[in-house]
Amino acid sequence: MIQRARAACQHQFFMEIFTIAAWEIWKQRNTKIFRGTVQNGRNVSFILYSYIFIDAKMSLEIPSLLG
């Protein structure tokens, strides 16, 4: 299933983004189970968006650093 998603995405850092997303979901789960609270879903979305945005920005800057 992950291989199909990776093939469909064609993003250079797909596994890193997937790992971060899985880690954030895991932290949400642990917060709910052990603390009995639920964090705002927008916080998770913002964290994932920021990783994707930073990743995209870095991938644009890397070729200019090499040249």
PDB file of N, CA and C in Angstrom:
ATOM      1  N   MET A   1       0.819  -1.182   0.000  1.00  0.00           N
ATOM      2  CA  MET A   1       0.000   0.000   0.000  1.00  0.00           C
ATOM      3  C   MET A   1       0.871   1.257   0.000  1.00  0.00           C
ATOM      4  N   ILE A   2       1.946   1.256   0.772  1.00  0.00           N
ATOM      5  CA  ILE A   2       2.834   2.416   0.809  1.00  0.00           C
ATOM      6  C   ILE A   2       3.522   2.590  -0.537  1.00  0.00           C
ATOM      7  N   GLN A   3       3.902   1.482  -1.171  1.00  0.00           N
ATOM      8  CA  GLN A   3       4.555   1.571  -2.475  1.00  0.00           C
ATOM      9  C   GLN A   3       3.633   2.195  -3.517  1.00  0.00           C
ATOM     10  N   ARG A   4       2.345   1.852  -3.469  1.00  0.00           N
ATOM     11  CA  ARG A   4       1.389   2.453  -4.419  1.00  0.00           C
ATOM     12  C   ARG A   4       1.236   3.944  -4.164  1.00  0.00           C
ATOM     13  N   ALA A   5       1.179   4.328  -2.902  1.00  0.00           N
ATOM     14  CA  ALA A   5       1.070   5.755  -2.575  1.00  0.00           C
ATOM     15  C   ALA A   5       2.329   6.496  -3.004  1.00  0.00           C
ATOM     16  N   ARG A   6       3.486   5.882  -2.796  1.00  0.00           N
ATOM     17  CA  ARG A   6       4.747   6.513  -3.198  1.00  0.00           C
ATOM     18  C   ARG A   6       4.805   6.684  -4.710  1.00  0.00           C
ATOM     19  N   ALA A   7       4.364   5.669  -5.449  1.00  0.00           N
ATOM     20  CA  ALA A   7       4.364   5.755  -6.910  1.00  0.00           C
ATOM     21  C   ALA A   7       3.401   6.830  -7.394  1.00  0.00           C
ATOM     22  N   ALA A   8       2.274   6.969  -6.730  1.00  0.00           N
ATOM     23  CA  ALA A   8       1.293   7.979  -7.124  1.00  0.00           C
ATOM     24  C   ALA A   8       1.753   9.384  -6.772  1.00  0.00           C
ATOM     25  N   CYS A   9       2.490   9.523  -5.690  1.00  0.00           N
ATOM     26  CA  CYS A   9       2.910  10.845  -5.210  1.00  0.00           C
ATOM     27  C   CYS A   9       4.083  11.398  -6.013  1.00  0.00           C
ATOM     28  N   GLN A  10       5.072  10.590  -6.293  1.00  0.00           N
ATOM     29  CA  GLN A  10       6.268  11.006  -7.031  1.00  0.00           C
ATOM     30  C   GLN A  10       6.977  12.185  -6.367  1.00  0.00           C
ATOM     31  N   HIS A  11       6.948  12.244  -5.044  1.00  0.00           N
ATOM     32  CA  HIS A  11       7.625  13.310  -4.309  1.00  0.00           C
ATOM     33  C   HIS A  11       8.978  12.789  -3.861  1.00  0.00           C
ATOM     34  N   GLN A  12       9.996  13.616  -3.977  1.00  0.00           N
ATOM     35  CA  GLN A  12      11.362  13.203  -3.679  1.00  0.00           C
ATOM     36  C   GLN A  12      11.513  12.715  -2.233  1.00  0.00           C
ATOM     37  N   PHE A  13      10.832  13.351  -1.313  1.00  0.00           N
ATOM     38  CA  PHE A  13      10.966  13.014   0.101  1.00  0.00           C
ATOM     39  C   PHE A  13       9.698  12.359   0.648  1.00  0.00           C
ATOM     40  N   PHE A  14       9.087  11.493  -0.134  1.00  0.00           N
ATOM     41  CA  PHE A  14       7.825  10.867   0.262  1.00  0.00           C
ATOM     42  C   PHE A  14       7.948  10.114   1.579  1.00  0.00           C
ATOM     43  N   MET A  15       8.972   9.295   1.732  1.00  0.00           N
ATOM     44  CA  MET A  15       9.099   8.481   2.944  1.00  0.00           C
ATOM     45  C   MET A  15       9.292   9.345   4.178  1.00  0.00           C
ATOM     46  N   GLU A  16      10.018  10.444   4.057  1.00  0.00           N
ATOM     47  CA  GLU A  16      10.199  11.345   5.184  1.00  0.00           C
ATOM     48  C   GLU A  16       8.865  11.969   5.592  1.00  0.00           C
ATOM     49  N   ILE A  17       8.093  12.409   4.604  1.00  0.00           N
ATOM     50  CA  ILE A  17       6.786  12.999   4.884  1.00  0.00           C
ATOM     51  C   ILE A  17       5.858  11.950   5.485  1.00  0.00           C
ATOM     52  N   PHE A  18       5.878  10.741   4.936  1.00  0.00           N
ATOM     53  CA  PHE A  18       5.043   9.656   5.455  1.00  0.00           C
ATOM     54  C   PHE A  18       5.412   9.328   6.898  1.00  0.00           C
ATOM     55  N   THR A  19       6.710   9.264   7.186  1.00  0.00           N
ATOM     56  CA  THR A  19       7.170   8.950   8.537  1.00  0.00           C
ATOM     57  C   THR A  19       6.748  10.022   9.527  1.00  0.00           C
ATOM     58  N   ILE A  20       6.886  11.281   9.142  1.00  0.00           N
ATOM     59  CA  ILE A  20       6.478  12.380  10.018  1.00  0.00           C
ATOM     60  C   ILE A  20       4.974  12.334  10.262  1.00  0.00           C
ATOM     61  N   ALA A  21       4.204  12.064   9.215  1.00  0.00           N
ATOM     62  CA  ALA A  21       2.748  11.968   9.372  1.00  0.00           C
ATOM     63  C   ALA A  21       2.387  10.829  10.319  1.00  0.00           C
ATOM     64  N   ALA A  22       3.026   9.674  10.151  1.00  0.00           N
ATOM     65  CA  ALA A  22       2.755   8.533  11.026  1.00  0.00           C
ATOM     66  C   ALA A  22       3.133   8.855  12.472  1.00  0.00           C
ATOM     67  N   TRP A  23       4.253   9.541  12.654  1.00  0.00           N
ATOM     68  CA  TRP A  23       4.694   9.915  13.998  1.00  0.00           C
ATOM     69  C   TRP A  23       3.702  10.881  14.653  1.00  0.00           C
ATOM     70  N   GLU A  24       3.204  11.844  13.899  1.00  0.00           N
ATOM     71  CA  GLU A  24       2.229  12.795  14.447  1.00  0.00           C
ATOM     72  C   GLU A  24       0.928  12.088  14.825  1.00  0.00           C
ATOM     73  N   ILE A  25       0.496  11.140  14.001  1.00  0.00           N
ATOM     74  CA  ILE A  25      -0.709  10.365  14.328  1.00  0.00           C
ATOM     75  C   ILE A  25      -0.476   9.543  15.590  1.00  0.00           C
ATOM     76  N   TRP A  26       0.700   8.942  15.707  1.00  0.00           N
ATOM     77  CA  TRP A  26       1.042   8.154  16.890  1.00  0.00           C
ATOM     78  C   TRP A  26       1.020   9.028  18.147  1.00  0.00           C
ATOM     79  N   LYS A  27       1.563  10.237  18.058  1.00  0.00           N
ATOM     80  CA  LYS A  27       1.562  11.141  19.209  1.00  0.00           C
ATOM     81  C   LYS A  27       0.141  11.544  19.586  1.00  0.00           C
ATOM     82  N   GLN A  28      -0.713  11.770  18.578  1.00  0.00           N
ATOM     83  CA  GLN A  28      -2.117  12.094  18.849  1.00  0.00           C
ATOM     84  C   GLN A  28      -2.797  10.937  19.583  1.00  0.00           C
ATOM     85  N   ARG A  29      -2.528   9.730  19.130  1.00  0.00           N
ATOM     86  CA  ARG A  29      -3.114   8.540  19.746  1.00  0.00           C
ATOM     87  C   ARG A  29      -2.667   8.420  21.195  1.00  0.00           C
ATOM     88  N   ASN A  30      -1.372   8.577  21.442  1.00  0.00           N
ATOM     89  CA  ASN A  30      -0.859   8.465  22.805  1.00  0.00           C
ATOM     90  C   ASN A  30      -1.422   9.550  23.713  1.00  0.00           C
ATOM     91  N   THR A  31      -1.567  10.758  23.199  1.00  0.00           N
ATOM     92  CA  THR A  31      -2.146  11.842  23.989  1.00  0.00           C
ATOM     93  C   THR A  31      -3.572  11.499  24.391  1.00  0.00           C
ATOM     94  N   LYS A  32      -4.322  10.955  23.453  1.00  0.00           N
ATOM     95  CA  LYS A  32      -5.718  10.596  23.748  1.00  0.00           C
ATOM     96  C   LYS A  32      -5.790   9.464  24.768  1.00  0.00           C
ATOM     97  N   ILE A  33      -4.964   8.441  24.598  1.00  0.00           N
ATOM     98  CA  ILE A  33      -5.028   7.270  25.473  1.00  0.00           C
ATOM     99  C   ILE A  33      -4.481   7.570  26.867  1.00  0.00           C
ATOM    100  N   PHE A  34      -3.292   8.175  26.951  1.00  0.00           N
ATOM    101  CA  PHE A  34      -2.629   8.324  28.239  1.00  0.00           C
ATOM    102  C   PHE A  34      -3.002   9.593  28.994  1.00  0.00           C
ATOM    103  N   ARG A  35      -3.362  10.637  28.284  1.00  0.00           N
ATOM    104  CA  ARG A  35      -3.735  11.886  28.951  1.00  0.00           C
ATOM    105  C   ARG A  35      -5.237  12.145  28.907  1.00  0.00           C
ATOM    106  N   GLY A  36      -5.938  11.411  28.087  1.00  0.00           N
ATOM    107  CA  GLY A  36      -7.378  11.569  27.997  1.00  0.00           C
ATOM    108  C   GLY A  36      -7.822  12.836  27.293  1.00  0.00           C
ATOM    109  N   THR A  37      -6.911  13.450  26.551  1.00  0.00           N
ATOM    110  CA  THR A  37      -7.245  14.676  25.822  1.00  0.00           C
ATOM    111  C   THR A  37      -6.981  14.471  24.342  1.00  0.00           C
ATOM    112  N   VAL A  38      -7.558  15.339  23.546  1.00  0.00           N
ATOM    113  CA  VAL A  38      -7.354  15.297  22.106  1.00  0.00           C
ATOM    114  C   VAL A  38      -6.859  16.665  21.669  1.00  0.00           C
ATOM    115  N   GLN A  39      -5.752  16.677  20.922  1.00  0.00           N
ATOM    116  CA  GLN A  39      -5.243  17.939  20.405  1.00  0.00           C
ATOM    117  C   GLN A  39      -6.075  18.362  19.213  1.00  0.00           C
ATOM    118  N   ASN A  40      -5.986  19.615  18.909  1.00  0.00           N
ATOM    119  CA  ASN A  40      -6.696  20.171  17.764  1.00  0.00           C
ATOM    120  C   ASN A  40      -6.143  19.569  16.475  1.00  0.00           C
ATOM    121  N   GLY A  41      -6.997  19.079  15.612  1.00  0.00           N
ATOM    122  CA  GLY A  41      -6.569  18.504  14.341  1.00  0.00           C
ATOM    123  C   GLY A  41      -5.862  19.501  13.449  1.00  0.00           C
ATOM    124  N   ARG A  42      -6.171  20.780  13.627  1.00  0.00           N
ATOM    125  CA  ARG A  42      -5.496  21.802  12.826  1.00  0.00           C
ATOM    126  C   ARG A  42      -4.020  21.881  13.162  1.00  0.00           C
ATOM    127  N   ASN A  43      -3.653  21.597  14.413  1.00  0.00           N
ATOM    128  CA  ASN A  43      -2.245  21.609  14.783  1.00  0.00           C
ATOM    129  C   ASN A  43      -1.478  20.560  13.988  1.00  0.00           C
ATOM    130  N   VAL A  44      -2.041  19.379  13.879  1.00  0.00           N
ATOM    131  CA  VAL A  44      -1.394  18.309  13.123  1.00  0.00           C
ATOM    132  C   VAL A  44      -1.302  18.694  11.654  1.00  0.00           C
ATOM    133  N   SER A  45      -2.375  19.241  11.110  1.00  0.00           N
ATOM    134  CA  SER A  45      -2.362  19.659   9.709  1.00  0.00           C
ATOM    135  C   SER A  45      -1.302  20.716   9.469  1.00  0.00           C
ATOM    136  N   PHE A  46      -1.172  21.666  10.387  1.00  0.00           N
ATOM    137  CA  PHE A  46      -0.169  22.721  10.242  1.00  0.00           C
ATOM    138  C   PHE A  46       1.233  22.146  10.297  1.00  0.00           C
ATOM    139  N   ILE A  47       1.464  21.211  11.214  1.00  0.00           N
ATOM    140  CA  ILE A  47       2.787  20.599  11.326  1.00  0.00           C
ATOM    141  C   ILE A  47       3.145  19.885  10.028  1.00  0.00           C
ATOM    142  N   LEU A  48       2.220  19.088   9.502  1.00  0.00           N
ATOM    143  CA  LEU A  48       2.490  18.367   8.257  1.00  0.00           C
ATOM    144  C   LEU A  48       2.678  19.332   7.094  1.00  0.00           C
ATOM    145  N   TYR A  49       1.849  20.375   7.022  1.00  0.00           N
ATOM    146  CA  TYR A  49       1.977  21.367   5.958  1.00  0.00           C
ATOM    147  C   TYR A  49       3.330  22.055   6.036  1.00  0.00           C
ATOM    148  N   SER A  50       3.766  22.388   7.250  1.00  0.00           N
ATOM    149  CA  SER A  50       5.045  23.084   7.384  1.00  0.00           C
ATOM    150  C   SER A  50       6.196  22.191   6.943  1.00  0.00           C
ATOM    151  N   TYR A  51       6.139  20.891   7.260  1.00  0.00           N
ATOM    152  CA  TYR A  51       7.185  19.988   6.797  1.00  0.00           C
ATOM    153  C   TYR A  51       7.200  19.907   5.272  1.00  0.00           C
ATOM    154  N   ILE A  52       6.037  19.822   4.668  1.00  0.00           N
ATOM    155  CA  ILE A  52       5.962  19.741   3.207  1.00  0.00           C
ATOM    156  C   ILE A  52       6.460  21.036   2.583  1.00  0.00           C
ATOM    157  N   PHE A  53       6.061  22.189   3.152  1.00  0.00           N
ATOM    158  CA  PHE A  53       6.480  23.483   2.620  1.00  0.00           C
ATOM    159  C   PHE A  53       7.989  23.655   2.738  1.00  0.00           C
ATOM    160  N   ILE A  54       8.543  23.324   3.903  1.00  0.00           N
ATOM    161  CA  ILE A  54       9.988  23.441   4.101  1.00  0.00           C
ATOM    162  C   ILE A  54      10.712  22.507   3.153  1.00  0.00           C
ATOM    163  N   ASP A  55      10.201  21.292   2.984  1.00  0.00           N
ATOM    164  CA  ASP A  55      10.801  20.318   2.076  1.00  0.00           C
ATOM    165  C   ASP A  55      10.801  20.842   0.647  1.00  0.00           C
ATOM    166  N   ALA A  56       9.689  21.406   0.204  1.00  0.00           N
ATOM    167  CA  ALA A  56       9.599  21.935  -1.157  1.00  0.00           C
ATOM    168  C   ALA A  56      10.556  23.096  -1.335  1.00  0.00           C
ATOM    169  N   LYS A  57      10.663  23.954  -0.341  1.00  0.00           N
ATOM    170  CA  LYS A  57      11.569  25.097  -0.419  1.00  0.00           C
ATOM    171  C   LYS A  57      13.011  24.615  -0.494  1.00  0.00           C
ATOM    172  N   MET A  58      13.371  23.620   0.304  1.00  0.00           N
ATOM    173  CA  MET A  58      14.733  23.105   0.301  1.00  0.00           C
ATOM    174  C   MET A  58      15.064  22.450  -1.033  1.00  0.00           C
ATOM    175  N   SER A  59      14.121  21.723  -1.612  1.00  0.00           N
ATOM    176  CA  SER A  59      14.396  21.049  -2.879  1.00  0.00           C
ATOM    177  C   SER A  59      14.601  22.063  -3.996  1.00  0.00           C
ATOM    178  N   LEU A  60      14.010  23.256  -3.865  1.00  0.00           N
ATOM    179  CA  LEU A  60      14.235  24.308  -4.855  1.00  0.00           C
ATOM    180  C   LEU A  60      15.582  24.979  -4.659  1.00  0.00           C
ATOM    181  N   GLU A  61      16.074  25.032  -3.421  1.00  0.00           N
ATOM    182  CA  GLU A  61      17.325  25.712  -3.136  1.00  0.00           C
ATOM    183  C   GLU A  61      18.543  24.833  -3.364  1.00  0.00           C
ATOM    184  N   ILE A  62      18.409  23.532  -3.284  1.00  0.00           N
ATOM    185  CA  ILE A  62      19.556  22.638  -3.406  1.00  0.00           C
ATOM    186  C   ILE A  62      20.263  22.779  -4.749  1.00  0.00           C
ATOM    187  N   PRO A  63      19.568  22.795  -5.894  1.00  0.00           N
ATOM    188  CA  PRO A  63      20.299  22.950  -7.152  1.00  0.00           C
ATOM    189  C   PRO A  63      21.082  24.262  -7.220  1.00  0.00           C
ATOM    190  N   SER A  64      20.555  25.334  -6.648  1.00  0.00           N
ATOM    191  CA  SER A  64      21.274  26.601  -6.699  1.00  0.00           C
ATOM    192  C   SER A  64      22.527  26.550  -5.840  1.00  0.00           C
ATOM    193  N   LEU A  65      22.525  25.739  -4.791  1.00  0.00           N
ATOM    194  CA  LEU A  65      23.710  25.608  -3.958  1.00  0.00           C
ATOM    195  C   LEU A  65      24.798  24.804  -4.661  1.00  0.00           C
ATOM    196  N   LEU A  66      24.395  23.877  -5.514  1.00  0.00           N
ATOM    197  CA  LEU A  66      25.364  23.041  -6.213  1.00  0.00           C
ATOM    198  C   LEU A  66      25.997  23.752  -7.397  1.00  0.00           C
ATOM    199  N   GLY A  67      25.300  24.717  -7.969  1.00  0.00           N
ATOM    200  CA  GLY A  67      25.766  25.392  -9.174  1.00  0.00           C
ATOM    201  C   GLY A  67      26.620  26.524  -8.887  1.00  0.00           C
TER     202      GLY A  67
END
